[in-house]
Amino acid sequence: MTRHEAPPPPDERTAPALFKQAAHYLAAGDPAAASLLPALERFPDYAPGWLLIGDTLRRAERRDAAVMALGRALQGQPTSAALCHRIGQAFVELRDSRAAVAAFRKALALDPDFAGAWYSLGLVSEDLRDHAEAAQAYRTALRLQPDFHAAAFNLGIVLQEDGRMEEAMDAYAKALRMKPASFGRIAQALVSGRAGVLWLRPAELRLALTGR
């Protein structure tokens, strides 16, 4: 190759092994990981690799570096909704809720019928106190997966937090029909919420829920 020739393009087939090796070094605390960085930079759009690096750094409690790697994964334009969802879940583990929202929204842009991603978006929106967004996400998850108990239960919680008790009771009733064993959790949620309601007799609460 002469000095005027462009370098050869990176061989995408080498990326998985390269990122796996770098993750191995990072997990072991081996300084050799740094020597692989220039090679990794040749694959800026290899989202699965940057997710692997981000997850490895997260487990090593190197939060800032993990956030940067996960950001690279998301910017790499992952074409799989499942991969975007995994990136979002990693951001949740790092308590970066807004980045998680971006990842879940990208997952849903790729697959609007991904009930799990709608539920994850609901959880993060709930953490951000955006109850309207959370309720909409939980409702969509339930529409797509009618037996999604966790979505029904959490929908009840956010509606209750907004003081919309009739709607909350409907959601709790739906959750109870799906999973009768969740009655105790529902009773606890009704007592402990910001707009809590105390039922002195569990039998009366059960009747109020089952009668809906």
N, C-alpha and C. Protein backbone atom coordinates (compact mmCIF):
# COMPACT_ATOMS: atom_id res chain seq x y z
N MET A 1 0.85 -1.20 0.00
CA MET A 1 0.00 0.00 0.00
C MET A 1 0.88 1.24 0.00
N THR A 2 0.70 2.16 -0.96
CA THR A 2 1.46 3.39 -1.01
C THR A 2 0.89 4.38 0.00
N ARG A 3 1.61 5.46 0.21
CA ARG A 3 1.18 6.45 1.20
C ARG A 3 -0.08 7.16 0.77
N HIS A 4 -0.46 7.06 -0.53
CA HIS A 4 -1.65 7.75 -1.01
C HIS A 4 -2.88 6.87 -1.02
N GLU A 5 -2.70 5.59 -0.72
CA GLU A 5 -3.84 4.68 -0.74
C GLU A 5 -4.61 4.74 0.59
N ALA A 6 -5.93 4.59 0.49
CA ALA A 6 -6.75 4.56 1.71
C ALA A 6 -6.56 3.23 2.41
N PRO A 7 -6.63 3.22 3.74
CA PRO A 7 -6.51 1.95 4.45
C PRO A 7 -7.67 1.03 4.10
N PRO A 8 -7.46 -0.26 4.16
CA PRO A 8 -8.55 -1.19 3.83
C PRO A 8 -9.68 -1.06 4.83
N PRO A 9 -10.92 -1.26 4.37
CA PRO A 9 -12.04 -1.17 5.32
C PRO A 9 -11.96 -2.27 6.36
N PRO A 10 -12.49 -2.02 7.56
CA PRO A 10 -12.44 -3.05 8.60
C PRO A 10 -13.25 -4.27 8.19
N ASP A 11 -12.76 -5.41 8.53
CA ASP A 11 -13.44 -6.67 8.23
C ASP A 11 -14.46 -6.94 9.33
N GLU A 12 -15.75 -6.82 9.01
CA GLU A 12 -16.80 -6.97 10.01
C GLU A 12 -16.79 -8.35 10.65
N ARG A 13 -16.21 -9.33 9.97
CA ARG A 13 -16.21 -10.69 10.53
C ARG A 13 -15.31 -10.80 11.76
N THR A 14 -14.37 -9.88 11.89
CA THR A 14 -13.46 -9.94 13.03
C THR A 14 -14.03 -9.25 14.27
N ALA A 15 -15.10 -8.46 14.09
CA ALA A 15 -15.61 -7.64 15.20
C ALA A 15 -16.06 -8.47 16.40
N PRO A 16 -16.86 -9.52 16.24
CA PRO A 16 -17.33 -10.26 17.43
C PRO A 16 -16.20 -10.77 18.31
N ALA A 17 -15.19 -11.39 17.69
CA ALA A 17 -14.08 -11.93 18.47
C ALA A 17 -13.28 -10.82 19.12
N LEU A 18 -13.12 -9.71 18.41
CA LEU A 18 -12.35 -8.58 18.94
C LEU A 18 -13.01 -7.99 20.18
N PHE A 19 -14.32 -7.74 20.10
CA PHE A 19 -15.03 -7.17 21.24
C PHE A 19 -15.09 -8.17 22.40
N LYS A 20 -15.23 -9.44 22.08
CA LYS A 20 -15.24 -10.46 23.12
C LYS A 20 -13.91 -10.50 23.86
N GLN A 21 -12.81 -10.39 23.12
CA GLN A 21 -11.49 -10.36 23.75
C GLN A 21 -11.32 -9.14 24.63
N ALA A 22 -11.76 -7.98 24.13
CA ALA A 22 -11.65 -6.75 24.92
C ALA A 22 -12.48 -6.86 26.20
N ALA A 23 -13.68 -7.44 26.10
CA ALA A 23 -14.52 -7.60 27.29
C ALA A 23 -13.86 -8.53 28.29
N HIS A 24 -13.22 -9.56 27.78
CA HIS A 24 -12.51 -10.51 28.67
C HIS A 24 -11.41 -9.78 29.44
N TYR A 25 -10.63 -8.97 28.73
CA TYR A 25 -9.56 -8.22 29.39
C TYR A 25 -10.14 -7.25 30.43
N LEU A 26 -11.22 -6.56 30.06
CA LEU A 26 -11.82 -5.60 30.99
C LEU A 26 -12.32 -6.30 32.25
N ALA A 27 -12.98 -7.45 32.08
CA ALA A 27 -13.51 -8.17 33.22
C ALA A 27 -12.40 -8.64 34.14
N ALA A 28 -11.25 -8.97 33.57
CA ALA A 28 -10.11 -9.45 34.35
C ALA A 28 -9.26 -8.31 34.90
N GLY A 29 -9.58 -7.08 34.52
CA GLY A 29 -8.77 -5.95 34.94
C GLY A 29 -7.41 -5.92 34.27
N ASP A 30 -7.33 -6.52 33.10
CA ASP A 30 -6.07 -6.63 32.37
C ASP A 30 -5.84 -5.34 31.58
N PRO A 31 -4.70 -4.66 31.79
CA PRO A 31 -4.43 -3.40 31.06
C PRO A 31 -4.32 -3.61 29.56
N ALA A 32 -4.23 -4.86 29.11
CA ALA A 32 -4.17 -5.11 27.67
C ALA A 32 -5.43 -4.63 26.97
N ALA A 33 -6.52 -4.42 27.73
CA ALA A 33 -7.76 -3.93 27.12
C ALA A 33 -7.54 -2.60 26.41
N ALA A 34 -6.70 -1.75 26.99
CA ALA A 34 -6.46 -0.43 26.40
C ALA A 34 -5.82 -0.54 25.02
N SER A 35 -5.00 -1.57 24.83
CA SER A 35 -4.31 -1.72 23.54
C SER A 35 -5.28 -2.10 22.42
N LEU A 36 -6.45 -2.60 22.79
CA LEU A 36 -7.43 -2.99 21.77
C LEU A 36 -8.36 -1.85 21.37
N LEU A 37 -8.32 -0.76 22.11
CA LEU A 37 -9.25 0.34 21.84
C LEU A 37 -9.16 0.85 20.40
N PRO A 38 -7.95 1.09 19.85
CA PRO A 38 -7.91 1.57 18.45
C PRO A 38 -8.58 0.59 17.48
N ALA A 39 -8.44 -0.70 17.74
CA ALA A 39 -9.08 -1.68 16.87
C ALA A 39 -10.59 -1.62 17.03
N LEU A 40 -11.08 -1.43 18.25
CA LEU A 40 -12.52 -1.33 18.48
C LEU A 40 -13.09 -0.11 17.77
N GLU A 41 -12.33 0.97 17.76
CA GLU A 41 -12.81 2.21 17.13
C GLU A 41 -13.03 2.05 15.63
N ARG A 42 -12.51 0.99 15.05
CA ARG A 42 -12.73 0.76 13.63
C ARG A 42 -14.14 0.23 13.37
N PHE A 43 -14.86 -0.09 14.45
CA PHE A 43 -16.22 -0.62 14.31
C PHE A 43 -17.20 0.24 15.12
N PRO A 44 -17.32 1.53 14.79
CA PRO A 44 -18.17 2.43 15.58
C PRO A 44 -19.65 2.06 15.55
N ASP A 45 -20.07 1.32 14.52
CA ASP A 45 -21.49 0.99 14.38
C ASP A 45 -21.82 -0.43 14.80
N TYR A 46 -20.87 -1.11 15.41
CA TYR A 46 -21.12 -2.50 15.81
C TYR A 46 -21.79 -2.50 17.19
N ALA A 47 -23.10 -2.30 17.18
CA ALA A 47 -23.86 -2.13 18.42
C ALA A 47 -23.74 -3.30 19.39
N PRO A 48 -23.80 -4.57 18.94
CA PRO A 48 -23.67 -5.67 19.92
C PRO A 48 -22.35 -5.64 20.67
N GLY A 49 -21.28 -5.25 19.99
CA GLY A 49 -19.98 -5.20 20.65
C GLY A 49 -19.90 -4.11 21.71
N TRP A 50 -20.43 -2.93 21.37
CA TRP A 50 -20.40 -1.83 22.34
C TRP A 50 -21.32 -2.11 23.52
N LEU A 51 -22.41 -2.83 23.27
CA LEU A 51 -23.25 -3.25 24.39
C LEU A 51 -22.49 -4.21 25.29
N LEU A 52 -21.76 -5.14 24.71
CA LEU A 52 -20.97 -6.07 25.51
C LEU A 52 -19.94 -5.33 26.36
N ILE A 53 -19.27 -4.37 25.75
CA ILE A 53 -18.29 -3.57 26.49
C ILE A 53 -18.97 -2.79 27.61
N GLY A 54 -20.10 -2.18 27.29
CA GLY A 54 -20.83 -1.41 28.30
C GLY A 54 -21.27 -2.27 29.47
N ASP A 55 -21.81 -3.44 29.17
CA ASP A 55 -22.24 -4.34 30.24
C ASP A 55 -21.07 -4.80 31.10
N THR A 56 -19.95 -5.06 30.46
CA THR A 56 -18.76 -5.49 31.20
C THR A 56 -18.27 -4.38 32.13
N LEU A 57 -18.24 -3.16 31.62
CA LEU A 57 -17.82 -2.03 32.44
C LEU A 57 -18.82 -1.77 33.58
N ARG A 58 -20.10 -1.99 33.29
CA ARG A 58 -21.11 -1.81 34.35
C ARG A 58 -20.88 -2.79 35.48
N ARG A 59 -20.63 -4.05 35.12
CA ARG A 59 -20.39 -5.05 36.16
C ARG A 59 -19.11 -4.76 36.94
N ALA A 60 -18.17 -4.08 36.28
CA ALA A 60 -16.93 -3.71 36.95
C ALA A 60 -17.08 -2.40 37.74
N GLU A 61 -18.32 -1.87 37.77
CA GLU A 61 -18.64 -0.64 38.50
C GLU A 61 -17.88 0.57 37.97
N ARG A 62 -17.65 0.58 36.67
CA ARG A 62 -17.05 1.74 36.01
C ARG A 62 -18.16 2.46 35.26
N ARG A 63 -18.98 3.17 36.02
CA ARG A 63 -20.24 3.69 35.50
C ARG A 63 -20.06 4.64 34.32
N ASP A 64 -19.19 5.63 34.44
CA ASP A 64 -19.07 6.63 33.38
C ASP A 64 -18.62 5.99 32.07
N ALA A 65 -17.66 5.10 32.17
CA ALA A 65 -17.19 4.42 30.96
C ALA A 65 -18.29 3.53 30.39
N ALA A 66 -19.07 2.89 31.26
CA ALA A 66 -20.17 2.04 30.80
C ALA A 66 -21.21 2.86 30.05
N VAL A 67 -21.56 4.03 30.59
CA VAL A 67 -22.55 4.89 29.93
C VAL A 67 -22.05 5.31 28.54
N MET A 68 -20.76 5.62 28.43
CA MET A 68 -20.21 6.02 27.14
C MET A 68 -20.29 4.87 26.14
N ALA A 69 -19.94 3.66 26.59
CA ALA A 69 -19.97 2.51 25.69
C ALA A 69 -21.39 2.19 25.25
N LEU A 70 -22.33 2.27 26.18
CA LEU A 70 -23.73 2.01 25.83
C LEU A 70 -24.27 3.09 24.89
N GLY A 71 -23.80 4.31 25.08
CA GLY A 71 -24.17 5.37 24.15
C GLY A 71 -23.67 5.07 22.75
N ARG A 72 -22.46 4.53 22.66
CA ARG A 72 -21.94 4.12 21.36
C ARG A 72 -22.81 3.02 20.76
N ALA A 73 -23.26 2.09 21.60
CA ALA A 73 -24.11 1.01 21.11
C ALA A 73 -25.40 1.56 20.52
N LEU A 74 -25.99 2.53 21.19
CA LEU A 74 -27.25 3.09 20.72
C LEU A 74 -27.04 3.93 19.46
N GLN A 75 -25.93 4.66 19.41
CA GLN A 75 -25.63 5.48 18.25
C GLN A 75 -25.24 4.63 17.04
N GLY A 76 -24.90 3.37 17.30
CA GLY A 76 -24.51 2.49 16.21
C GLY A 76 -25.67 2.03 15.35
N GLN A 77 -26.85 2.60 15.59
CA GLN A 77 -28.04 2.30 14.81
C GLN A 77 -28.34 0.80 14.79
N PRO A 78 -28.55 0.21 15.98
CA PRO A 78 -28.89 -1.22 16.01
C PRO A 78 -30.21 -1.46 15.27
N THR A 79 -30.24 -2.50 14.47
CA THR A 79 -31.42 -2.78 13.65
C THR A 79 -32.36 -3.77 14.33
N SER A 80 -32.02 -4.25 15.50
CA SER A 80 -32.86 -5.21 16.21
C SER A 80 -33.55 -4.53 17.38
N ALA A 81 -34.88 -4.67 17.45
CA ALA A 81 -35.62 -4.11 18.59
C ALA A 81 -35.17 -4.76 19.89
N ALA A 82 -34.90 -6.06 19.85
CA ALA A 82 -34.45 -6.76 21.06
C ALA A 82 -33.12 -6.20 21.55
N LEU A 83 -32.22 -5.87 20.62
CA LEU A 83 -30.92 -5.31 21.01
C LEU A 83 -31.10 -3.93 21.63
N CYS A 84 -31.95 -3.09 21.04
CA CYS A 84 -32.23 -1.78 21.62
C CYS A 84 -32.81 -1.92 23.02
N HIS A 85 -33.68 -2.90 23.19
CA HIS A 85 -34.28 -3.13 24.51
C HIS A 85 -33.22 -3.52 25.52
N ARG A 86 -32.29 -4.37 25.13
CA ARG A 86 -31.21 -4.77 26.04
C ARG A 86 -30.33 -3.57 26.41
N ILE A 87 -30.08 -2.69 25.44
CA ILE A 87 -29.31 -1.49 25.74
C ILE A 87 -30.07 -0.63 26.76
N GLY A 88 -31.37 -0.50 26.56
CA GLY A 88 -32.18 0.25 27.50
C GLY A 88 -32.15 -0.34 28.90
N GLN A 89 -32.23 -1.66 28.99
CA GLN A 89 -32.18 -2.31 30.30
C GLN A 89 -30.84 -2.08 30.98
N ALA A 90 -29.76 -2.05 30.19
CA ALA A 90 -28.44 -1.76 30.77
C ALA A 90 -28.39 -0.34 31.31
N PHE A 91 -29.01 0.61 30.59
CA PHE A 91 -29.07 1.98 31.09
C PHE A 91 -29.89 2.05 32.38
N VAL A 92 -30.95 1.25 32.47
CA VAL A 92 -31.73 1.21 33.70
C VAL A 92 -30.86 0.75 34.86
N GLU A 93 -30.05 -0.28 34.63
CA GLU A 93 -29.14 -0.77 35.68
C GLU A 93 -28.19 0.32 36.15
N LEU A 94 -27.85 1.22 35.24
CA LEU A 94 -26.94 2.32 35.57
C LEU A 94 -27.68 3.55 36.09
N ARG A 95 -29.00 3.43 36.23
CA ARG A 95 -29.84 4.52 36.72
C ARG A 95 -29.78 5.76 35.81
N ASP A 96 -29.65 5.51 34.53
CA ASP A 96 -29.70 6.59 33.55
C ASP A 96 -31.04 6.47 32.83
N SER A 97 -32.08 7.00 33.47
CA SER A 97 -33.44 6.78 32.99
C SER A 97 -33.70 7.42 31.64
N ARG A 98 -33.17 8.60 31.41
CA ARG A 98 -33.47 9.28 30.15
C ARG A 98 -32.82 8.57 28.96
N ALA A 99 -31.61 8.06 29.17
CA ALA A 99 -30.98 7.27 28.10
C ALA A 99 -31.76 5.99 27.87
N ALA A 100 -32.28 5.41 28.95
CA ALA A 100 -33.09 4.20 28.82
C ALA A 100 -34.34 4.47 28.00
N VAL A 101 -34.99 5.60 28.25
CA VAL A 101 -36.18 5.97 27.48
C VAL A 101 -35.85 6.04 25.99
N ALA A 102 -34.71 6.66 25.66
CA ALA A 102 -34.31 6.78 24.26
C ALA A 102 -34.12 5.41 23.63
N ALA A 103 -33.52 4.50 24.39
CA ALA A 103 -33.28 3.15 23.86
C ALA A 103 -34.59 2.40 23.66
N PHE A 104 -35.50 2.51 24.64
CA PHE A 104 -36.79 1.81 24.51
C PHE A 104 -37.61 2.40 23.36
N ARG A 105 -37.54 3.70 23.17
CA ARG A 105 -38.27 4.31 22.06
C ARG A 105 -37.70 3.85 20.72
N LYS A 106 -36.40 3.69 20.67
CA LYS A 106 -35.79 3.20 19.43
C LYS A 106 -36.23 1.75 19.18
N ALA A 107 -36.33 0.96 20.24
CA ALA A 107 -36.82 -0.42 20.10
C ALA A 107 -38.23 -0.42 19.55
N LEU A 108 -39.06 0.47 20.05
CA LEU A 108 -40.46 0.52 19.63
C LEU A 108 -40.62 1.09 18.22
N ALA A 109 -39.69 1.94 17.81
CA ALA A 109 -39.72 2.42 16.43
C ALA A 109 -39.45 1.27 15.47
N LEU A 110 -38.63 0.33 15.90
CA LEU A 110 -38.33 -0.84 15.07
C LEU A 110 -39.43 -1.88 15.14
N ASP A 111 -40.06 -2.00 16.32
CA ASP A 111 -41.12 -3.00 16.50
C ASP A 111 -42.19 -2.44 17.43
N PRO A 112 -43.21 -1.77 16.87
CA PRO A 112 -44.25 -1.15 17.71
C PRO A 112 -45.08 -2.17 18.49
N ASP A 113 -44.99 -3.44 18.14
CA ASP A 113 -45.77 -4.47 18.83
C ASP A 113 -44.96 -5.22 19.89
N PHE A 114 -43.85 -4.65 20.32
CA PHE A 114 -42.97 -5.26 21.31
C PHE A 114 -43.51 -4.93 22.71
N ALA A 115 -44.36 -5.81 23.25
CA ALA A 115 -45.01 -5.54 24.53
C ALA A 115 -44.01 -5.32 25.66
N GLY A 116 -42.94 -6.11 25.67
CA GLY A 116 -41.94 -5.96 26.72
C GLY A 116 -41.28 -4.60 26.72
N ALA A 117 -41.05 -4.03 25.55
CA ALA A 117 -40.45 -2.70 25.47
C ALA A 117 -41.42 -1.63 25.94
N TRP A 118 -42.71 -1.80 25.63
CA TRP A 118 -43.71 -0.85 26.16
C TRP A 118 -43.74 -0.90 27.68
N TYR A 119 -43.67 -2.10 28.23
CA TYR A 119 -43.66 -2.24 29.69
C TYR A 119 -42.42 -1.58 30.29
N SER A 120 -41.27 -1.82 29.68
CA SER A 120 -40.03 -1.20 30.18
C SER A 120 -40.11 0.31 30.11
N LEU A 121 -40.69 0.83 29.01
CA LEU A 121 -40.88 2.28 28.90
C LEU A 121 -41.79 2.78 30.00
N GLY A 122 -42.81 2.00 30.34
CA GLY A 122 -43.70 2.38 31.43
C GLY A 122 -42.97 2.47 32.76
N LEU A 123 -42.13 1.49 33.04
CA LEU A 123 -41.39 1.48 34.30
C LEU A 123 -40.49 2.71 34.43
N VAL A 124 -39.76 3.02 33.36
CA VAL A 124 -38.84 4.15 33.42
C VAL A 124 -39.62 5.46 33.50
N SER A 125 -40.71 5.56 32.76
CA SER A 125 -41.53 6.77 32.83
C SER A 125 -42.10 6.95 34.23
N GLU A 126 -42.46 5.85 34.86
CA GLU A 126 -42.96 5.90 36.24
C GLU A 126 -41.87 6.42 37.17
N ASP A 127 -40.63 5.95 36.97
CA ASP A 127 -39.52 6.44 37.78
C ASP A 127 -39.29 7.93 37.59
N LEU A 128 -39.56 8.42 36.37
CA LEU A 128 -39.39 9.84 36.07
C LEU A 128 -40.61 10.67 36.47
N ARG A 129 -41.58 10.02 37.11
CA ARG A 129 -42.81 10.65 37.59
C ARG A 129 -43.68 11.14 36.44
N ASP A 130 -43.50 10.57 35.26
CA ASP A 130 -44.34 10.91 34.12
C ASP A 130 -45.44 9.85 34.07
N HIS A 131 -46.46 10.04 34.90
CA HIS A 131 -47.49 9.03 35.06
C HIS A 131 -48.36 8.88 33.81
N ALA A 132 -48.57 9.96 33.08
CA ALA A 132 -49.38 9.86 31.87
C ALA A 132 -48.68 8.99 30.83
N GLU A 133 -47.38 9.20 30.67
CA GLU A 133 -46.61 8.39 29.72
C GLU A 133 -46.56 6.93 30.18
N ALA A 134 -46.38 6.74 31.48
CA ALA A 134 -46.32 5.38 32.02
C ALA A 134 -47.64 4.65 31.81
N ALA A 135 -48.75 5.33 32.09
CA ALA A 135 -50.06 4.71 31.93
C ALA A 135 -50.30 4.32 30.48
N GLN A 136 -49.94 5.20 29.57
CA GLN A 136 -50.14 4.90 28.16
C GLN A 136 -49.29 3.68 27.75
N ALA A 137 -48.06 3.63 28.24
CA ALA A 137 -47.17 2.51 27.89
C ALA A 137 -47.72 1.20 28.45
N TYR A 138 -48.18 1.22 29.70
CA TYR A 138 -48.74 0.00 30.29
C TYR A 138 -50.01 -0.44 29.55
N ARG A 139 -50.84 0.52 29.18
CA ARG A 139 -52.07 0.17 28.45
C ARG A 139 -51.73 -0.47 27.10
N THR A 140 -50.71 0.07 26.44
CA THR A 140 -50.32 -0.49 25.15
C THR A 140 -49.77 -1.90 25.32
N ALA A 141 -48.96 -2.10 26.37
CA ALA A 141 -48.44 -3.45 26.64
C ALA A 141 -49.57 -4.43 26.87
N LEU A 142 -50.60 -3.99 27.58
CA LEU A 142 -51.76 -4.85 27.85
C LEU A 142 -52.57 -5.12 26.59
N ARG A 143 -52.67 -4.13 25.74
CA ARG A 143 -53.41 -4.34 24.48
C ARG A 143 -52.70 -5.40 23.63
N LEU A 144 -51.37 -5.32 23.64
CA LEU A 144 -50.60 -6.25 22.82
C LEU A 144 -50.49 -7.64 23.46
N GLN A 145 -50.50 -7.65 24.81
CA GLN A 145 -50.39 -8.92 25.54
C GLN A 145 -51.41 -8.91 26.68
N PRO A 146 -52.63 -9.33 26.40
CA PRO A 146 -53.73 -9.18 27.37
C PRO A 146 -53.51 -9.90 28.71
N ASP A 147 -52.59 -10.84 28.78
CA ASP A 147 -52.34 -11.54 30.04
C ASP A 147 -51.10 -11.00 30.76
N PHE A 148 -50.69 -9.77 30.44
CA PHE A 148 -49.48 -9.17 31.01
C PHE A 148 -49.80 -8.65 32.42
N HIS A 149 -49.66 -9.51 33.41
CA HIS A 149 -50.05 -9.17 34.77
C HIS A 149 -49.29 -7.95 35.31
N ALA A 150 -47.98 -7.93 35.14
CA ALA A 150 -47.18 -6.83 35.69
C ALA A 150 -47.61 -5.49 35.11
N ALA A 151 -48.00 -5.48 33.83
CA ALA A 151 -48.44 -4.23 33.22
C ALA A 151 -49.75 -3.76 33.84
N ALA A 152 -50.68 -4.69 34.10
CA ALA A 152 -51.95 -4.33 34.73
C ALA A 152 -51.72 -3.83 36.15
N PHE A 153 -50.88 -4.50 36.89
CA PHE A 153 -50.61 -4.12 38.28
C PHE A 153 -49.98 -2.73 38.34
N ASN A 154 -48.96 -2.49 37.51
CA ASN A 154 -48.29 -1.19 37.53
C ASN A 154 -49.17 -0.08 36.97
N LEU A 155 -50.07 -0.43 36.06
CA LEU A 155 -51.04 0.56 35.60
C LEU A 155 -51.90 1.01 36.77
N GLY A 156 -52.32 0.07 37.60
CA GLY A 156 -53.08 0.43 38.79
C GLY A 156 -52.31 1.38 39.69
N ILE A 157 -51.02 1.12 39.85
CA ILE A 157 -50.21 1.97 40.73
C ILE A 157 -50.13 3.41 40.22
N VAL A 158 -49.84 3.60 38.92
CA VAL A 158 -49.68 4.97 38.42
C VAL A 158 -51.03 5.70 38.39
N LEU A 159 -52.10 4.99 38.11
CA LEU A 159 -53.41 5.63 38.15
C LEU A 159 -53.78 6.03 39.58
N GLN A 160 -53.45 5.18 40.51
CA GLN A 160 -53.70 5.49 41.92
C GLN A 160 -52.88 6.70 42.35
N GLU A 161 -51.61 6.75 41.92
CA GLU A 161 -50.76 7.89 42.28
C GLU A 161 -51.33 9.21 41.76
N ASP A 162 -52.06 9.14 40.64
CA ASP A 162 -52.68 10.34 40.09
C ASP A 162 -54.06 10.59 40.66
N GLY A 163 -54.48 9.77 41.64
CA GLY A 163 -55.77 9.95 42.26
C GLY A 163 -56.94 9.47 41.42
N ARG A 164 -56.67 8.69 40.39
CA ARG A 164 -57.73 8.18 39.51
C ARG A 164 -58.13 6.79 40.01
N MET A 165 -58.82 6.77 41.16
CA MET A 165 -59.03 5.52 41.88
C MET A 165 -59.95 4.54 41.16
N GLU A 166 -60.96 5.04 40.49
CA GLU A 166 -61.86 4.12 39.78
C GLU A 166 -61.11 3.37 38.69
N GLU A 167 -60.31 4.10 37.93
CA GLU A 167 -59.52 3.46 36.88
C GLU A 167 -58.47 2.54 37.49
N ALA A 168 -57.89 2.97 38.61
CA ALA A 168 -56.89 2.13 39.28
C ALA A 168 -57.50 0.82 39.75
N MET A 169 -58.69 0.90 40.31
CA MET A 169 -59.36 -0.33 40.78
C MET A 169 -59.66 -1.26 39.60
N ASP A 170 -60.03 -0.69 38.46
CA ASP A 170 -60.26 -1.52 37.27
C ASP A 170 -58.98 -2.25 36.87
N ALA A 171 -57.85 -1.53 36.92
CA ALA A 171 -56.58 -2.15 36.56
C ALA A 171 -56.20 -3.23 37.57
N TYR A 172 -56.37 -2.94 38.86
CA TYR A 172 -56.07 -3.94 39.88
C TYR A 172 -56.98 -5.17 39.72
N ALA A 173 -58.24 -4.93 39.38
CA ALA A 173 -59.17 -6.04 39.19
C ALA A 173 -58.71 -6.93 38.04
N LYS A 174 -58.23 -6.31 36.99
CA LYS A 174 -57.72 -7.07 35.85
C LYS A 174 -56.50 -7.88 36.27
N ALA A 175 -55.59 -7.25 37.04
CA ALA A 175 -54.41 -7.96 37.51
C ALA A 175 -54.80 -9.14 38.40
N LEU A 176 -55.81 -8.96 39.23
CA LEU A 176 -56.25 -10.04 40.13
C LEU A 176 -56.84 -11.20 39.34
N ARG A 177 -57.58 -10.89 38.29
CA ARG A 177 -58.14 -11.97 37.46
C ARG A 177 -57.03 -12.79 36.81
N MET A 178 -55.98 -12.11 36.42
CA MET A 178 -54.86 -12.81 35.78
C MET A 178 -54.10 -13.68 36.78
N LYS A 179 -53.93 -13.15 37.99
CA LYS A 179 -53.13 -13.85 38.98
C LYS A 179 -53.77 -13.66 40.37
N PRO A 180 -54.68 -14.55 40.76
CA PRO A 180 -55.35 -14.41 42.06
C PRO A 180 -54.39 -14.30 43.25
N ALA A 181 -53.21 -14.91 43.12
CA ALA A 181 -52.24 -14.86 44.22
C ALA A 181 -51.67 -13.47 44.44
N SER A 182 -51.95 -12.52 43.54
CA SER A 182 -51.41 -11.17 43.70
C SER A 182 -52.29 -10.30 44.59
N PHE A 183 -53.31 -10.86 45.20
CA PHE A 183 -54.23 -10.06 46.02
C PHE A 183 -53.48 -9.31 47.12
N GLY A 184 -52.56 -9.98 47.79
CA GLY A 184 -51.82 -9.33 48.87
C GLY A 184 -51.04 -8.12 48.39
N ARG A 185 -50.39 -8.23 47.23
CA ARG A 185 -49.63 -7.10 46.68
C ARG A 185 -50.57 -5.94 46.33
N ILE A 186 -51.73 -6.27 45.79
CA ILE A 186 -52.69 -5.23 45.43
C ILE A 186 -53.18 -4.51 46.68
N ALA A 187 -53.50 -5.30 47.73
CA ALA A 187 -53.97 -4.70 48.98
C ALA A 187 -52.90 -3.78 49.56
N GLN A 188 -51.64 -4.22 49.50
CA GLN A 188 -50.55 -3.40 50.03
C GLN A 188 -50.39 -2.12 49.22
N ALA A 189 -50.50 -2.23 47.89
CA ALA A 189 -50.37 -1.06 47.03
C ALA A 189 -51.47 -0.04 47.32
N LEU A 190 -52.68 -0.52 47.57
CA LEU A 190 -53.79 0.38 47.85
C LEU A 190 -53.59 1.14 49.15
N VAL A 191 -52.94 0.53 50.10
CA VAL A 191 -52.70 1.17 51.40
C VAL A 191 -51.53 2.14 51.33
N SER A 192 -50.48 1.76 50.59
CA SER A 192 -49.23 2.51 50.66
C SER A 192 -49.11 3.62 49.63
N GLY A 193 -49.96 3.68 48.64
CA GLY A 193 -49.85 4.70 47.61
C GLY A 193 -50.14 6.10 48.13
N ARG A 194 -49.73 7.09 47.34
CA ARG A 194 -49.95 8.49 47.74
C ARG A 194 -51.44 8.76 47.92
N ALA A 195 -52.25 8.17 47.06
CA ALA A 195 -53.70 8.29 47.19
C ALA A 195 -54.26 6.97 47.70
N GLY A 196 -53.70 6.52 48.81
CA GLY A 196 -54.03 5.20 49.33
C GLY A 196 -55.44 5.11 49.90
N VAL A 197 -55.94 3.89 49.91
CA VAL A 197 -57.25 3.61 50.47
C VAL A 197 -57.11 2.43 51.43
N LEU A 198 -57.60 2.58 52.64
CA LEU A 198 -57.49 1.53 53.64
C LEU A 198 -58.77 0.71 53.67
N TRP A 199 -58.62 -0.58 53.43
CA TRP A 199 -59.74 -1.52 53.52
C TRP A 199 -59.55 -2.33 54.80
N LEU A 200 -60.44 -2.15 55.74
CA LEU A 200 -60.28 -2.84 57.03
C LEU A 200 -60.58 -4.33 56.91
N ARG A 201 -61.39 -4.69 55.95
CA ARG A 201 -61.74 -6.10 55.78
C ARG A 201 -61.29 -6.58 54.40
N PRO A 202 -60.27 -7.44 54.36
CA PRO A 202 -59.78 -7.94 53.07
C PRO A 202 -60.88 -8.56 52.22
N ALA A 203 -61.85 -9.21 52.85
CA ALA A 203 -62.93 -9.85 52.08
C ALA A 203 -63.72 -8.82 51.29
N GLU A 204 -63.91 -7.63 51.88
CA GLU A 204 -64.66 -6.58 51.19
C GLU A 204 -63.86 -6.06 49.99
N LEU A 205 -62.55 -5.93 50.17
CA LEU A 205 -61.71 -5.50 49.07
C LEU A 205 -61.74 -6.52 47.93
N ARG A 206 -61.61 -7.78 48.29
CA ARG A 206 -61.64 -8.82 47.27
C ARG A 206 -62.97 -8.78 46.50
N LEU A 207 -64.06 -8.58 47.22
CA LEU A 207 -65.36 -8.51 46.57
C LEU A 207 -65.46 -7.30 45.66
N ALA A 208 -64.91 -6.17 46.13
CA ALA A 208 -64.94 -4.96 45.29
C ALA A 208 -64.16 -5.14 44.00
N LEU A 209 -63.07 -5.91 44.07
CA LEU A 209 -62.24 -6.13 42.89
C LEU A 209 -62.87 -7.16 41.96
N THR A 210 -63.33 -8.25 42.53
CA THR A 210 -63.88 -9.33 41.69
C THR A 210 -65.21 -8.93 41.07
N GLY A 211 -65.88 -7.95 41.66
CA GLY A 211 -67.18 -7.52 41.13
C GLY A 211 -67.06 -6.59 39.95
N ARG A 212 -65.84 -6.25 39.54
CA ARG A 212 -65.67 -5.30 38.44
C ARG A 212 -65.60 -6.03 37.10
